[in-house]
N, C-alpha and C. Protein backbone atom coordinates (compact mmCIF):
# COMPACT_ATOMS: atom_id res chain seq x y z
N MET A 1 0.86 -1.17 0.00
CA MET A 1 0.00 0.00 0.00
C MET A 1 0.91 1.23 0.00
N GLY A 2 0.75 2.10 -0.95
CA GLY A 2 1.56 3.30 -1.02
C GLY A 2 1.11 4.34 -0.01
N ARG A 3 1.98 5.28 0.25
CA ARG A 3 1.66 6.32 1.24
C ARG A 3 0.41 7.09 0.86
N ASP A 4 0.31 7.50 -0.41
CA ASP A 4 -0.86 8.27 -0.83
C ASP A 4 -2.14 7.45 -0.68
N HIS A 5 -2.05 6.16 -1.05
CA HIS A 5 -3.23 5.30 -0.91
C HIS A 5 -3.60 5.13 0.56
N GLY A 6 -2.61 4.94 1.41
CA GLY A 6 -2.85 4.78 2.85
C GLY A 6 -3.48 6.01 3.44
N GLN A 7 -3.00 7.17 3.05
CA GLN A 7 -3.56 8.41 3.58
C GLN A 7 -4.97 8.64 3.04
N ALA A 8 -5.21 8.26 1.80
CA ALA A 8 -6.56 8.39 1.25
C ALA A 8 -7.52 7.48 2.01
N GLU A 9 -7.08 6.27 2.30
CA GLU A 9 -7.91 5.34 3.06
C GLU A 9 -8.13 5.86 4.49
N ALA A 10 -7.08 6.41 5.09
CA ALA A 10 -7.19 6.97 6.44
C ALA A 10 -8.16 8.14 6.46
N GLU A 11 -8.13 8.95 5.43
CA GLU A 11 -9.05 10.09 5.35
C GLU A 11 -10.49 9.60 5.25
N LYS A 12 -10.72 8.53 4.50
CA LYS A 12 -12.07 7.95 4.42
C LYS A 12 -12.53 7.50 5.80
N ILE A 13 -11.61 6.87 6.55
CA ILE A 13 -11.95 6.40 7.90
C ILE A 13 -12.29 7.58 8.80
N VAL A 14 -11.52 8.66 8.68
CA VAL A 14 -11.82 9.86 9.47
C VAL A 14 -13.22 10.36 9.15
N GLN A 15 -13.54 10.47 7.88
CA GLN A 15 -14.86 10.98 7.48
C GLN A 15 -15.98 10.06 7.98
N GLN A 16 -15.77 8.75 7.87
CA GLN A 16 -16.76 7.79 8.36
C GLN A 16 -16.92 7.91 9.88
N GLY A 17 -15.79 8.07 10.57
CA GLY A 17 -15.83 8.21 12.02
C GLY A 17 -16.56 9.47 12.46
N LEU A 18 -16.27 10.58 11.79
CA LEU A 18 -16.96 11.83 12.11
C LEU A 18 -18.47 11.66 11.94
N GLU A 19 -18.85 11.04 10.84
CA GLU A 19 -20.27 10.83 10.57
C GLU A 19 -20.88 9.89 11.62
N ARG A 20 -20.20 8.81 11.89
CA ARG A 20 -20.72 7.81 12.85
C ARG A 20 -20.93 8.41 14.24
N PHE A 21 -19.97 9.23 14.68
CA PHE A 21 -20.05 9.80 16.02
C PHE A 21 -20.73 11.17 16.05
N GLY A 22 -21.19 11.65 14.91
CA GLY A 22 -21.88 12.93 14.87
C GLY A 22 -20.98 14.10 15.20
N LEU A 23 -19.72 14.00 14.79
CA LEU A 23 -18.75 15.06 15.06
C LEU A 23 -18.50 15.90 13.82
N SER A 24 -18.04 17.12 14.05
CA SER A 24 -17.65 18.01 12.96
C SER A 24 -16.15 18.24 13.03
N GLU A 25 -15.63 18.86 11.99
CA GLU A 25 -14.21 19.24 12.00
C GLU A 25 -13.91 20.15 13.18
N ALA A 26 -14.84 21.05 13.50
CA ALA A 26 -14.65 21.97 14.63
C ALA A 26 -14.57 21.20 15.95
N ASP A 27 -15.32 20.10 16.05
CA ASP A 27 -15.27 19.28 17.26
C ASP A 27 -13.88 18.70 17.47
N LEU A 28 -13.21 18.34 16.39
CA LEU A 28 -11.87 17.78 16.51
C LEU A 28 -10.92 18.77 17.19
N GLU A 29 -11.10 20.03 16.90
CA GLU A 29 -10.25 21.07 17.50
C GLU A 29 -10.56 21.27 18.97
N SER A 30 -11.83 21.15 19.35
CA SER A 30 -12.22 21.48 20.72
C SER A 30 -12.15 20.30 21.69
N LEU A 31 -12.23 19.08 21.18
CA LEU A 31 -12.19 17.91 22.05
C LEU A 31 -10.76 17.57 22.45
N PRO A 32 -10.56 17.01 23.65
CA PRO A 32 -9.21 16.63 24.05
C PRO A 32 -8.69 15.45 23.23
N GLY A 33 -7.39 15.32 23.17
CA GLY A 33 -6.78 14.22 22.42
C GLY A 33 -7.13 12.85 22.97
N SER A 34 -7.59 12.81 24.21
CA SER A 34 -7.95 11.54 24.84
C SER A 34 -9.43 11.19 24.67
N ASP A 35 -10.17 11.99 23.93
CA ASP A 35 -11.59 11.73 23.72
C ASP A 35 -11.76 10.32 23.14
N PRO A 36 -12.62 9.51 23.74
CA PRO A 36 -12.78 8.12 23.28
C PRO A 36 -13.17 7.98 21.81
N ARG A 37 -13.89 8.94 21.30
CA ARG A 37 -14.27 8.88 19.88
C ARG A 37 -13.06 9.10 18.98
N LYS A 38 -12.20 10.04 19.36
CA LYS A 38 -10.96 10.25 18.61
C LYS A 38 -10.07 9.02 18.69
N VAL A 39 -9.97 8.45 19.89
CA VAL A 39 -9.13 7.27 20.09
C VAL A 39 -9.66 6.11 19.25
N SER A 40 -10.97 5.96 19.19
CA SER A 40 -11.57 4.90 18.39
C SER A 40 -11.24 5.07 16.91
N ILE A 41 -11.38 6.27 16.41
CA ILE A 41 -11.06 6.54 15.00
C ILE A 41 -9.57 6.29 14.76
N ALA A 42 -8.73 6.76 15.67
CA ALA A 42 -7.28 6.56 15.53
C ALA A 42 -6.94 5.07 15.52
N GLY A 43 -7.60 4.31 16.38
CA GLY A 43 -7.36 2.87 16.43
C GLY A 43 -7.74 2.18 15.14
N PHE A 44 -8.85 2.59 14.57
CA PHE A 44 -9.28 2.00 13.31
C PHE A 44 -8.31 2.37 12.18
N ILE A 45 -7.82 3.59 12.18
CA ILE A 45 -6.81 4.00 11.19
C ILE A 45 -5.56 3.14 11.36
N HIS A 46 -5.13 2.97 12.60
CA HIS A 46 -3.91 2.20 12.89
C HIS A 46 -4.06 0.74 12.45
N GLN A 47 -5.24 0.16 12.66
CA GLN A 47 -5.48 -1.23 12.28
C GLN A 47 -5.62 -1.41 10.77
N SER A 48 -6.12 -0.40 10.09
CA SER A 48 -6.52 -0.56 8.69
C SER A 48 -5.57 0.02 7.67
N THR A 49 -4.62 0.85 8.10
CA THR A 49 -3.73 1.51 7.13
C THR A 49 -2.29 1.49 7.64
N THR A 50 -1.39 1.95 6.79
CA THR A 50 0.02 2.11 7.17
C THR A 50 0.35 3.58 7.41
N THR A 51 -0.67 4.37 7.60
CA THR A 51 -0.49 5.80 7.80
C THR A 51 0.26 6.05 9.12
N PRO A 52 1.28 6.92 9.11
CA PRO A 52 2.03 7.19 10.34
C PRO A 52 1.15 7.83 11.42
N GLN A 53 1.47 7.55 12.66
CA GLN A 53 0.70 8.10 13.76
C GLN A 53 0.82 9.62 13.82
N GLY A 54 1.89 10.17 13.28
CA GLY A 54 2.01 11.63 13.20
C GLY A 54 0.91 12.23 12.34
N TRP A 55 0.59 11.56 11.25
CA TRP A 55 -0.50 12.02 10.39
C TRP A 55 -1.82 11.95 11.15
N THR A 56 -2.04 10.84 11.84
CA THR A 56 -3.26 10.66 12.62
C THR A 56 -3.39 11.74 13.69
N ALA A 57 -2.28 12.01 14.38
CA ALA A 57 -2.29 13.03 15.44
C ALA A 57 -2.67 14.39 14.87
N GLU A 58 -2.08 14.73 13.75
CA GLU A 58 -2.36 16.03 13.14
C GLU A 58 -3.80 16.10 12.65
N ARG A 59 -4.25 15.05 11.99
CA ARG A 59 -5.59 15.05 11.38
C ARG A 59 -6.70 15.07 12.43
N LEU A 60 -6.49 14.34 13.53
CA LEU A 60 -7.52 14.26 14.57
C LEU A 60 -7.29 15.25 15.70
N GLN A 61 -6.29 16.12 15.54
CA GLN A 61 -5.98 17.13 16.57
C GLN A 61 -5.71 16.45 17.92
N MET A 62 -4.78 15.46 17.89
CA MET A 62 -4.45 14.71 19.10
C MET A 62 -3.06 15.05 19.63
N LYS A 63 -2.56 16.21 19.31
CA LYS A 63 -1.29 16.76 19.80
C LYS A 63 -0.05 16.17 19.15
N SER A 64 0.22 14.86 19.34
CA SER A 64 1.46 14.28 18.82
C SER A 64 1.30 12.79 18.55
N ALA A 65 2.24 12.25 17.78
CA ALA A 65 2.24 10.81 17.52
C ALA A 65 2.39 10.04 18.83
N ALA A 66 3.20 10.57 19.74
CA ALA A 66 3.38 9.91 21.04
C ALA A 66 2.06 9.84 21.81
N ASN A 67 1.25 10.89 21.72
CA ASN A 67 -0.04 10.88 22.40
C ASN A 67 -0.97 9.85 21.77
N VAL A 68 -0.97 9.77 20.45
CA VAL A 68 -1.79 8.76 19.77
C VAL A 68 -1.39 7.37 20.26
N SER A 69 -0.11 7.11 20.27
CA SER A 69 0.40 5.82 20.71
C SER A 69 -0.02 5.53 22.16
N GLN A 70 0.14 6.52 23.02
CA GLN A 70 -0.21 6.36 24.43
C GLN A 70 -1.71 6.10 24.60
N GLN A 71 -2.53 6.84 23.88
CA GLN A 71 -3.98 6.68 24.01
C GLN A 71 -4.42 5.30 23.49
N LEU A 72 -3.83 4.85 22.39
CA LEU A 72 -4.19 3.53 21.86
C LEU A 72 -3.75 2.43 22.83
N SER A 73 -2.59 2.60 23.43
CA SER A 73 -2.10 1.63 24.41
C SER A 73 -3.00 1.58 25.64
N ARG A 74 -3.41 2.74 26.12
CA ARG A 74 -4.31 2.80 27.28
C ARG A 74 -5.65 2.14 26.98
N ALA A 75 -6.18 2.41 25.81
CA ALA A 75 -7.47 1.82 25.43
C ALA A 75 -7.35 0.30 25.35
N LYS A 76 -6.24 -0.17 24.81
CA LYS A 76 -6.03 -1.61 24.68
C LYS A 76 -5.91 -2.26 26.07
N LYS A 77 -5.13 -1.63 26.95
CA LYS A 77 -4.94 -2.17 28.30
C LYS A 77 -6.24 -2.16 29.10
N ALA A 78 -7.05 -1.15 28.87
CA ALA A 78 -8.33 -1.04 29.58
C ALA A 78 -9.35 -2.04 29.05
N GLY A 79 -9.05 -2.61 27.89
CA GLY A 79 -9.96 -3.58 27.31
C GLY A 79 -11.25 -2.98 26.81
N LYS A 80 -11.19 -1.69 26.52
CA LYS A 80 -12.39 -1.02 26.02
C LYS A 80 -12.73 -1.55 24.64
N PRO A 81 -13.99 -1.86 24.42
CA PRO A 81 -14.37 -2.29 23.08
C PRO A 81 -14.19 -1.13 22.10
N LYS A 82 -13.67 -1.45 20.96
CA LYS A 82 -13.46 -0.42 19.94
C LYS A 82 -14.75 -0.24 19.15
N ILE A 83 -15.13 0.98 18.98
CA ILE A 83 -16.31 1.29 18.18
C ILE A 83 -15.82 1.69 16.81
N LYS A 84 -16.00 0.79 15.85
CA LYS A 84 -15.47 1.05 14.52
C LYS A 84 -16.47 1.86 13.71
N PRO A 85 -15.95 2.79 12.91
CA PRO A 85 -16.85 3.52 12.01
C PRO A 85 -17.56 2.55 11.08
N ALA A 86 -18.79 2.83 10.77
CA ALA A 86 -19.55 1.96 9.87
C ALA A 86 -18.93 1.96 8.49
N LYS A 87 -18.88 0.79 7.88
CA LYS A 87 -18.37 0.69 6.51
C LYS A 87 -19.51 1.04 5.57
N PRO A 88 -19.20 1.81 4.53
CA PRO A 88 -20.26 2.19 3.59
C PRO A 88 -20.77 0.95 2.81
N ALA A 89 -22.04 0.94 2.55
CA ALA A 89 -22.62 -0.14 1.77
C ALA A 89 -22.13 -0.03 0.34
N ILE A 90 -21.82 -1.16 -0.21
CA ILE A 90 -21.30 -1.17 -1.61
C ILE A 90 -22.39 -1.62 -2.53
C-alpha cells in the first residue's frame, strides 16, 4: 500500500468516524486528544492503514504521535471495546 493510498484510506476512515459519532471538523479542534471517539477513530486508522501516527495526530488534533500511541495503548490495556466507524454499503 503506497503512502498516498494509505492516507486516502485513512481520510475515508476519518470521514466515516466523524459521521458515525456525529462530530464536525470543529469538534476535533475542541475535544481533548484523549476523547474516546478520537481514540476509536485513531485505532481504526492504525489497524486498517500504514499511515504514520504523526498524520493521525495532526488530522484528529491529538497533539502528537506519542499521544496517539499512548492513548491507543491505554485503550487496549483497559480492554475497552473499539467502536469502529460503519463501513459504507457497496
